[in-house]
Amino acid sequence: MFTGIVEELGEVTAVENLGDACRFRLRGPVVTEGARHGDSIAVNGVCLTVVENRDGEFTADVMAETLKRSSLGALTTGSRVNLERPMVADGRFGGHIVQGHVDGTGTIVERTPSEHWEIVRISLPAELARYVVEKGSITVDGVSLTVVEAGPDYFTISLIPTTLALTTLGVKQSGDPVNLEVDVIAKYVERLLGADPKESAK
């Protein structure tokens, strides 16, 4: 489990096409410290498994399903990425419950800067709209954020200077894709109440 508090702004140093998968090599000296084969690291909000860890870089294999459902397929050598290690049992819970299981992708529609923060509007897939509420939590590229406005096919977030400086959300522009993970509690409640997600999306 993750919390959506990005630990490090890493970089893709190599991409190997494996046909039905990709192998990424990523630089992240903070998150690789003490990491072993089989450990998890979230990359732009996607939980990946460490294959090899050496000299501050790690490799991770990404299967076709993950490439299809996330924006990782758009990464190239030199791309910056948000990195986070899983939360330890006695760690401080700074964000919200994040599984690293991307529900879909959105697109940055508009950025509106102000003196001390920036409002970002992001498109929202119809099937995810029911899980997004004003002042609720959402994960965007692995960053735990609070929803400012929830529309039928979009939502907005407000980014403080720290988030702009220390995550990829500070440099992404209109048209760029982002990974979205909605609050898992909403999905569990829906399931327990017996609601049909397909009907809710209509």
C-alpha atoms as a PDB file:
ATOM      1  CA  MET A   1       0.000   0.000   0.000  1.00  0.00           C
ATOM      2  CA  PHE A   2       1.099   3.548  -0.781  1.00  0.00           C
ATOM      3  CA  THR A   3      -0.057   6.937   0.482  1.00  0.00           C
ATOM      4  CA  GLY A   4       0.424   9.158  -2.570  1.00  0.00           C
ATOM      5  CA  ILE A   5       3.229  11.182  -0.991  1.00  0.00           C
ATOM      6  CA  VAL A   6       5.927  11.224  -3.690  1.00  0.00           C
ATOM      7  CA  GLU A   7       9.388  10.583  -2.267  1.00  0.00           C
ATOM      8  CA  GLU A   8      11.479  11.342  -5.299  1.00  0.00           C
ATOM      9  CA  LEU A   9      11.347  12.717  -8.823  1.00  0.00           C
ATOM     10  CA  GLY A  10      13.102   9.980 -10.789  1.00  0.00           C
ATOM     11  CA  GLU A  11      14.079   9.502 -14.407  1.00  0.00           C
ATOM     12  CA  VAL A  12      13.694   6.785 -17.028  1.00  0.00           C
ATOM     13  CA  THR A  13      17.195   5.839 -18.160  1.00  0.00           C
ATOM     14  CA  ALA A  14      16.316   3.021 -20.584  1.00  0.00           C
ATOM     15  CA  VAL A  15      13.267   1.404 -22.202  1.00  0.00           C
ATOM     16  CA  GLU A  16      13.477  -2.119 -23.631  1.00  0.00           C
ATOM     17  CA  ASN A  17      10.600  -3.299 -25.839  1.00  0.00           C
ATOM     18  CA  LEU A  18       9.859  -6.959 -25.102  1.00  0.00           C
ATOM     19  CA  GLY A  19       7.034  -7.342 -27.614  1.00  0.00           C
ATOM     20  CA  ASP A  20       4.094  -7.910 -25.278  1.00  0.00           C
ATOM     21  CA  ALA A  21       5.777  -6.012 -22.439  1.00  0.00           C
ATOM     22  CA  CYS A  22       8.418  -3.402 -21.651  1.00  0.00           C
ATOM     23  CA  ARG A  23      11.345  -3.321 -19.275  1.00  0.00           C
ATOM     24  CA  PHE A  24      12.102   0.059 -17.758  1.00  0.00           C
ATOM     25  CA  ARG A  25      15.295   1.136 -16.064  1.00  0.00           C
ATOM     26  CA  LEU A  26      14.704   4.033 -13.710  1.00  0.00           C
ATOM     27  CA  ARG A  27      17.002   6.215 -11.646  1.00  0.00           C
ATOM     28  CA  GLY A  28      15.921   6.819  -8.067  1.00  0.00           C
ATOM     29  CA  PRO A  29      18.657   6.737  -5.415  1.00  0.00           C
ATOM     30  CA  VAL A  30      16.216   7.454  -2.587  1.00  0.00           C
ATOM     31  CA  VAL A  31      13.634   4.753  -3.338  1.00  0.00           C
ATOM     32  CA  THR A  32      16.247   2.145  -4.302  1.00  0.00           C
ATOM     33  CA  GLU A  33      18.086   2.385  -0.990  1.00  0.00           C
ATOM     34  CA  GLY A  34      17.665  -1.035   0.584  1.00  0.00           C
ATOM     35  CA  ALA A  35      15.313  -2.224  -2.176  1.00  0.00           C
ATOM     36  CA  ARG A  36      15.539  -5.897  -3.074  1.00  0.00           C
ATOM     37  CA  HIS A  37      14.362  -8.095  -5.927  1.00  0.00           C
ATOM     38  CA  GLY A  38      10.593  -8.466  -5.616  1.00  0.00           C
ATOM     39  CA  ASP A  39       9.999  -5.253  -3.685  1.00  0.00           C
ATOM     40  CA  SER A  40       7.394  -2.765  -4.905  1.00  0.00           C
ATOM     41  CA  ILE A  41       7.913   0.814  -6.047  1.00  0.00           C
ATOM     42  CA  ALA A  42       5.144   3.052  -7.407  1.00  0.00           C
ATOM     43  CA  VAL A  43       6.055   4.731 -10.700  1.00  0.00           C
ATOM     44  CA  ASN A  44       3.641   7.532 -11.619  1.00  0.00           C
ATOM     45  CA  GLY A  45       1.126   5.792  -9.393  1.00  0.00           C
ATOM     46  CA  VAL A  46       1.600   2.296 -10.854  1.00  0.00           C
ATOM     47  CA  CYS A  47       2.839  -0.387  -8.479  1.00  0.00           C
ATOM     48  CA  LEU A  48       5.816  -2.116 -10.160  1.00  0.00           C
ATOM     49  CA  THR A  49       8.062  -4.931  -8.972  1.00  0.00           C
ATOM     50  CA  VAL A  50      11.809  -4.420  -8.683  1.00  0.00           C
ATOM     51  CA  VAL A  51      13.687  -6.880 -10.897  1.00  0.00           C
ATOM     52  CA  GLU A  52      17.190  -5.540 -10.373  1.00  0.00           C
ATOM     53  CA  ASN A  53      18.609  -2.782  -8.168  1.00  0.00           C
ATOM     54  CA  ARG A  54      22.093  -1.429  -8.818  1.00  0.00           C
ATOM     55  CA  ASP A  55      23.865   1.913  -8.365  1.00  0.00           C
ATOM     56  CA  GLY A  56      20.739   3.915  -7.616  1.00  0.00           C
ATOM     57  CA  GLU A  57      18.781   2.493 -10.557  1.00  0.00           C
ATOM     58  CA  PHE A  58      16.212  -0.279 -10.734  1.00  0.00           C
ATOM     59  CA  THR A  59      14.543  -2.240 -13.499  1.00  0.00           C
ATOM     60  CA  ALA A  60      10.884  -3.213 -13.665  1.00  0.00           C
ATOM     61  CA  ASP A  61       8.869  -5.223 -16.177  1.00  0.00           C
ATOM     62  CA  VAL A  62       5.533  -3.804 -17.329  1.00  0.00           C
ATOM     63  CA  MET A  63       3.051  -6.176 -18.972  1.00  0.00           C
ATOM     64  CA  ALA A  64       0.763  -5.265 -21.847  1.00  0.00           C
ATOM     65  CA  GLU A  65      -2.304  -4.900 -19.601  1.00  0.00           C
ATOM     66  CA  THR A  66      -0.566  -2.250 -17.510  1.00  0.00           C
ATOM     67  CA  LEU A  67       0.691  -0.416 -20.599  1.00  0.00           C
ATOM     68  CA  LYS A  68      -2.871  -0.426 -21.945  1.00  0.00           C
ATOM     69  CA  ARG A  69      -4.518   0.864 -18.782  1.00  0.00           C
ATOM     70  CA  SER A  70      -1.917   3.439 -17.780  1.00  0.00           C
ATOM     71  CA  SER A  71       0.228   6.166 -19.305  1.00  0.00           C
ATOM     72  CA  LEU A  72       3.478   4.230 -18.766  1.00  0.00           C
ATOM     73  CA  GLY A  73       3.517   3.283 -22.435  1.00  0.00           C
ATOM     74  CA  ALA A  74       4.196   6.936 -23.266  1.00  0.00           C
ATOM     75  CA  LEU A  75       7.409   7.021 -21.224  1.00  0.00           C
ATOM     76  CA  THR A  76      10.692   7.358 -23.077  1.00  0.00           C
ATOM     77  CA  THR A  77      14.321   7.657 -22.055  1.00  0.00           C
ATOM     78  CA  GLY A  78      14.693  10.892 -20.125  1.00  0.00           C
ATOM     79  CA  SER A  79      11.073  11.034 -18.920  1.00  0.00           C
ATOM     80  CA  ARG A  80      10.678  12.205 -15.331  1.00  0.00           C
ATOM     81  CA  VAL A  81       8.561  10.030 -13.042  1.00  0.00           C
ATOM     82  CA  ASN A  82       7.086  10.198  -9.555  1.00  0.00           C
ATOM     83  CA  LEU A  83       8.481   7.489  -7.259  1.00  0.00           C
ATOM     84  CA  GLU A  84       7.232   6.178  -3.924  1.00  0.00           C
ATOM     85  CA  ARG A  85       8.066   3.155  -1.802  1.00  0.00           C
ATOM     86  CA  PRO A  86       5.284   1.237  -0.028  1.00  0.00           C
ATOM     87  CA  MET A  87       4.286   2.480   3.393  1.00  0.00           C
ATOM     88  CA  VAL A  88       5.951   0.662   6.288  1.00  0.00           C
ATOM     89  CA  ALA A  89       3.782  -0.648   9.134  1.00  0.00           C
ATOM     90  CA  ASP A  90       4.921   2.026  11.605  1.00  0.00           C
ATOM     91  CA  GLY A  91       5.098   4.838   9.039  1.00  0.00           C
ATOM     92  CA  ARG A  92       3.199   8.119   9.089  1.00  0.00           C
ATOM     93  CA  PHE A  93       0.055   8.126   6.959  1.00  0.00           C
ATOM     94  CA  GLY A  94       0.450  11.396   5.067  1.00  0.00           C
ATOM     95  CA  GLY A  95      -1.878  10.998   2.076  1.00  0.00           C
ATOM     96  CA  HIS A  96      -4.714   8.509   1.591  1.00  0.00           C
ATOM     97  CA  ILE A  97      -5.028   4.789   0.814  1.00  0.00           C
ATOM     98  CA  VAL A  98      -3.361   4.239  -2.562  1.00  0.00           C
ATOM     99  CA  GLN A  99      -3.046   0.743  -4.011  1.00  0.00           C
ATOM    100  CA  GLY A 100      -0.956   1.507  -7.068  1.00  0.00           C
ATOM    101  CA  HIS A 101      -3.680  -0.026  -9.246  1.00  0.00           C
ATOM    102  CA  VAL A 102      -4.520   2.552 -11.902  1.00  0.00           C
ATOM    103  CA  ASP A 103      -8.242   2.790 -12.703  1.00  0.00           C
ATOM    104  CA  GLY A 104      -7.786   4.732 -15.920  1.00  0.00           C
ATOM    105  CA  THR A 105      -6.123   7.716 -17.510  1.00  0.00           C
ATOM    106  CA  GLY A 106      -7.121  11.322 -17.869  1.00  0.00           C
ATOM    107  CA  THR A 107      -5.720  14.209 -19.846  1.00  0.00           C
ATOM    108  CA  ILE A 108      -4.639  17.598 -18.598  1.00  0.00           C
ATOM    109  CA  VAL A 109      -7.110  20.008 -20.164  1.00  0.00           C
ATOM    110  CA  GLU A 110      -6.121  23.358 -18.710  1.00  0.00           C
ATOM    111  CA  ARG A 111      -3.714  24.949 -16.250  1.00  0.00           C
ATOM    112  CA  THR A 112      -4.589  28.210 -14.496  1.00  0.00           C
ATOM    113  CA  PRO A 113      -1.670  29.676 -12.530  1.00  0.00           C
ATOM    114  CA  SER A 114      -2.021  32.126  -9.678  1.00  0.00           C
ATOM    115  CA  GLU A 115       0.484  33.769  -7.382  1.00  0.00           C
ATOM    116  CA  HIS A 116       0.922  30.883  -4.932  1.00  0.00           C
ATOM    117  CA  TRP A 117      -0.755  27.840  -6.490  1.00  0.00           C
ATOM    118  CA  GLU A 118      -2.099  26.486  -9.757  1.00  0.00           C
ATOM    119  CA  ILE A 119      -5.494  25.060 -10.663  1.00  0.00           C
ATOM    120  CA  VAL A 120      -5.368  22.105 -13.069  1.00  0.00           C
ATOM    121  CA  ARG A 121      -8.396  20.708 -14.912  1.00  0.00           C
ATOM    122  CA  ILE A 122      -8.171  17.037 -15.896  1.00  0.00           C
ATOM    123  CA  SER A 123     -10.547  15.036 -18.097  1.00  0.00           C
ATOM    124  CA  LEU A 124     -12.285  12.149 -16.366  1.00  0.00           C
ATOM    125  CA  PRO A 125     -13.435   8.857 -17.975  1.00  0.00           C
ATOM    126  CA  ALA A 126     -17.219   8.466 -17.623  1.00  0.00           C
ATOM    127  CA  GLU A 127     -16.907   5.179 -15.749  1.00  0.00           C
ATOM    128  CA  LEU A 128     -14.852   6.841 -12.997  1.00  0.00           C
ATOM    129  CA  ALA A 129     -16.916  10.001 -12.523  1.00  0.00           C
ATOM    130  CA  ARG A 130     -19.178   8.454  -9.856  1.00  0.00           C
ATOM    131  CA  TYR A 131     -16.170   7.874  -7.574  1.00  0.00           C
ATOM    132  CA  VAL A 132     -14.932  11.470  -7.675  1.00  0.00           C
ATOM    133  CA  VAL A 133     -16.496  13.981  -5.286  1.00  0.00           C
ATOM    134  CA  GLU A 134     -15.710  17.530  -4.252  1.00  0.00           C
ATOM    135  CA  LYS A 135     -13.176  17.580  -1.394  1.00  0.00           C
ATOM    136  CA  GLY A 136     -12.623  13.841  -1.862  1.00  0.00           C
ATOM    137  CA  SER A 137      -9.288  12.174  -2.566  1.00  0.00           C
ATOM    138  CA  ILE A 138      -7.850  11.133  -5.920  1.00  0.00           C
ATOM    139  CA  THR A 139      -4.415  10.001  -7.032  1.00  0.00           C
ATOM    140  CA  VAL A 140      -2.962  11.677 -10.133  1.00  0.00           C
ATOM    141  CA  ASP A 141       0.297  10.158 -11.403  1.00  0.00           C
ATOM    142  CA  GLY A 142       0.850   8.768  -7.921  1.00  0.00           C
ATOM    143  CA  VAL A 143       0.217  12.070  -6.116  1.00  0.00           C
ATOM    144  CA  SER A 144      -2.465  12.139  -3.403  1.00  0.00           C
ATOM    145  CA  LEU A 145      -4.638  15.194  -4.077  1.00  0.00           C
ATOM    146  CA  THR A 146      -7.925  16.746  -2.982  1.00  0.00           C
ATOM    147  CA  VAL A 147     -10.614  17.317  -5.593  1.00  0.00           C
ATOM    148  CA  VAL A 148     -11.589  20.987  -5.849  1.00  0.00           C
ATOM    149  CA  GLU A 149     -14.436  20.620  -8.356  1.00  0.00           C
ATOM    150  CA  ALA A 150     -16.023  17.412  -9.655  1.00  0.00           C
ATOM    151  CA  GLY A 151     -17.747  17.731 -13.030  1.00  0.00           C
ATOM    152  CA  PRO A 152     -19.463  15.093 -15.191  1.00  0.00           C
ATOM    153  CA  ASP A 153     -16.369  14.487 -17.305  1.00  0.00           C
ATOM    154  CA  TYR A 154     -13.614  16.399 -15.514  1.00  0.00           C
ATOM    155  CA  PHE A 155     -12.270  17.402 -12.128  1.00  0.00           C
ATOM    156  CA  THR A 156      -9.943  20.111 -10.904  1.00  0.00           C
ATOM    157  CA  ILE A 157      -7.100  20.046  -8.395  1.00  0.00           C
ATOM    158  CA  SER A 158      -5.104  22.801  -6.733  1.00  0.00           C
ATOM    159  CA  LEU A 159      -1.334  22.377  -6.698  1.00  0.00           C
ATOM    160  CA  ILE A 160       0.813  24.044  -4.053  1.00  0.00           C
ATOM    161  CA  PRO A 161       4.414  25.135  -4.808  1.00  0.00           C
ATOM    162  CA  THR A 162       5.879  22.006  -3.183  1.00  0.00           C
ATOM    163  CA  THR A 163       3.844  19.704  -5.456  1.00  0.00           C
ATOM    164  CA  LEU A 164       4.732  21.786  -8.502  1.00  0.00           C
ATOM    165  CA  ALA A 165       8.440  21.640  -7.661  1.00  0.00           C
ATOM    166  CA  LEU A 166       8.796  18.027  -6.511  1.00  0.00           C
ATOM    167  CA  THR A 167       6.503  16.051  -8.856  1.00  0.00           C
ATOM    168  CA  THR A 168       5.871  15.670 -12.575  1.00  0.00           C
ATOM    169  CA  LEU A 169       2.657  17.657 -12.191  1.00  0.00           C
ATOM    170  CA  GLY A 170       4.762  20.803 -12.184  1.00  0.00           C
ATOM    171  CA  VAL A 171       5.889  20.282 -15.770  1.00  0.00           C
ATOM    172  CA  LYS A 172       3.073  18.400 -17.481  1.00  0.00           C
ATOM    173  CA  GLN A 173       1.164  20.448 -20.032  1.00  0.00           C
ATOM    174  CA  SER A 174      -2.268  20.472 -21.649  1.00  0.00           C
ATOM    175  CA  GLY A 175      -2.747  17.292 -23.671  1.00  0.00           C
ATOM    176  CA  ASP A 176      -0.439  15.188 -21.483  1.00  0.00           C
ATOM    177  CA  PRO A 177      -1.921  11.943 -20.100  1.00  0.00           C
ATOM    178  CA  VAL A 178      -1.990  11.189 -16.371  1.00  0.00           C
ATOM    179  CA  ASN A 179      -2.734   8.040 -14.393  1.00  0.00           C
ATOM    180  CA  LEU A 180      -5.808   8.124 -12.180  1.00  0.00           C
ATOM    181  CA  GLU A 181      -6.645   6.014  -9.150  1.00  0.00           C
ATOM    182  CA  VAL A 182      -9.914   6.789  -7.406  1.00  0.00           C
ATOM    183  CA  ASP A 183     -10.565   6.281  -3.712  1.00  0.00           C
ATOM    184  CA  VAL A 184     -10.807   2.514  -3.153  1.00  0.00           C
ATOM    185  CA  ILE A 185     -13.249   3.002  -0.266  1.00  0.00           C
ATOM    186  CA  ALA A 186     -15.877   4.309  -2.700  1.00  0.00           C
ATOM    187  CA  LYS A 187     -15.526   1.171  -4.823  1.00  0.00           C
ATOM    188  CA  TYR A 188     -15.912  -1.111  -1.812  1.00  0.00           C
ATOM    189  CA  VAL A 189     -19.022   0.753  -0.672  1.00  0.00           C
ATOM    190  CA  GLU A 190     -20.524   0.465  -4.136  1.00  0.00           C
ATOM    191  CA  ARG A 191     -19.868  -3.274  -4.164  1.00  0.00           C
ATOM    192  CA  LEU A 192     -21.325  -3.812  -0.681  1.00  0.00           C
ATOM    193  CA  LEU A 193     -24.474  -1.907  -1.599  1.00  0.00           C
ATOM    194  CA  GLY A 194     -24.928  -4.105  -4.638  1.00  0.00           C
ATOM    195  CA  ALA A 195     -24.787  -1.238  -7.120  1.00  0.00           C
ATOM    196  CA  ASP A 196     -24.073  -2.077 -10.747  1.00  0.00           C
ATOM    197  CA  PRO A 197     -21.067  -0.003 -11.941  1.00  0.00           C
ATOM    198  CA  LYS A 198     -22.256  -0.276 -15.559  1.00  0.00           C
ATOM    199  CA  GLU A 199     -25.653   1.161 -14.679  1.00  0.00           C
ATOM    200  CA  SER A 200     -24.055   3.915 -12.576  1.00  0.00           C
ATOM    201  CA  ALA A 201     -21.917   4.978 -15.523  1.00  0.00           C
ATOM    202  CA  LYS A 202     -24.931   5.602 -17.752  1.00  0.00           C
END
